[in-house]
Amino acid sequence: MKTHKHWAVGALACMVATFYTGFRGKMKEHKIFAIGAMGCMLFSVLSGYKMISGKGAVKKSEEVEKN
């Protein structure tokens, strides 16, 4: 869950920077922040899916049973 929060905050920061650089007309920085936002959103969605699907919880319960 911590990983999901970190990626989500990173995506938000990149999105804010993307909008800011877009309004300022700085296209090189705008593209860099846009790619960063897309990357952070991708990892945020993947970590959120892992959190919701319960795959991590199943592994943890199996490890506890083995010990």
Protein backbone atom coordinates (compact mmCIF):
# COMPACT_ATOMS: atom_id res chain seq x y z
CA MET A 1 0.00 0.00 0.00
CA LYS A 2 2.91 2.35 0.67
CA THR A 3 4.21 1.77 -2.84
CA HIS A 4 0.83 2.69 -4.34
CA LYS A 5 0.70 5.93 -2.36
CA HIS A 6 4.23 6.90 -3.43
CA TRP A 7 3.52 6.27 -7.12
CA ALA A 8 0.23 8.16 -6.88
CA VAL A 9 1.92 11.19 -5.28
CA GLY A 10 4.64 11.04 -7.94
CA ALA A 11 2.02 10.96 -10.69
CA LEU A 12 0.20 13.92 -9.17
CA ALA A 13 3.42 15.94 -8.95
CA CYS A 14 4.30 15.13 -12.56
CA MET A 15 0.80 16.06 -13.72
CA VAL A 16 0.97 19.42 -11.95
CA ALA A 17 4.37 20.08 -13.51
CA THR A 18 3.02 19.01 -16.91
CA PHE A 19 0.18 21.51 -16.73
CA TYR A 20 2.49 24.26 -15.47
CA THR A 21 5.07 23.76 -18.22
CA GLY A 22 2.28 23.48 -20.80
CA PHE A 23 0.94 26.89 -19.82
CA ARG A 24 4.45 28.36 -19.84
CA GLY A 25 5.15 27.01 -23.32
CA LYS A 26 8.22 24.99 -22.30
CA MET A 27 7.65 22.04 -24.62
CA LYS A 28 10.82 20.04 -23.84
CA GLU A 29 10.11 20.02 -20.10
CA HIS A 30 6.42 19.46 -20.81
CA LYS A 31 7.17 16.24 -22.69
CA ILE A 32 9.52 14.99 -19.97
CA PHE A 33 6.96 15.56 -17.21
CA ALA A 34 4.19 14.02 -19.33
CA ILE A 35 6.21 10.84 -19.83
CA GLY A 36 7.02 10.80 -16.10
CA ALA A 37 3.33 11.17 -15.25
CA MET A 38 2.43 8.31 -17.56
CA GLY A 39 5.09 6.10 -15.98
CA CYS A 40 3.99 6.92 -12.45
CA MET A 41 0.35 6.33 -13.34
CA LEU A 42 1.23 2.96 -14.87
CA PHE A 43 3.05 1.82 -11.75
CA SER A 44 0.32 3.27 -9.53
CA VAL A 45 -2.35 1.30 -11.39
CA LEU A 46 -0.28 -1.89 -11.28
CA SER A 47 0.41 -1.58 -7.55
CA GLY A 48 -3.25 -0.72 -6.92
CA TYR A 49 -4.37 -3.75 -8.91
CA LYS A 50 -2.04 -5.96 -6.90
CA MET A 51 -3.45 -4.44 -3.69
CA ILE A 52 -7.09 -4.94 -4.75
CA SER A 53 -6.69 -8.39 -6.28
CA GLY A 54 -5.36 -9.79 -3.01
CA LYS A 55 -2.41 -11.58 -4.57
CA GLY A 56 -0.09 -10.13 -1.94
CA ALA A 57 -2.38 -11.19 0.91
CA VAL A 58 -2.47 -14.79 -0.33
CA LYS A 59 1.32 -14.99 -0.43
CA LYS A 60 1.65 -13.54 3.06
CA SER A 61 -0.85 -15.99 4.56
CA GLU A 62 0.94 -18.92 2.90
CA GLU A 63 4.27 -17.76 4.36
CA VAL A 64 2.74 -17.51 7.85
CA GLU A 65 1.31 -21.03 7.58
CA LYS A 66 4.68 -22.47 6.50
CA ASN A 67 6.46 -20.95 9.50
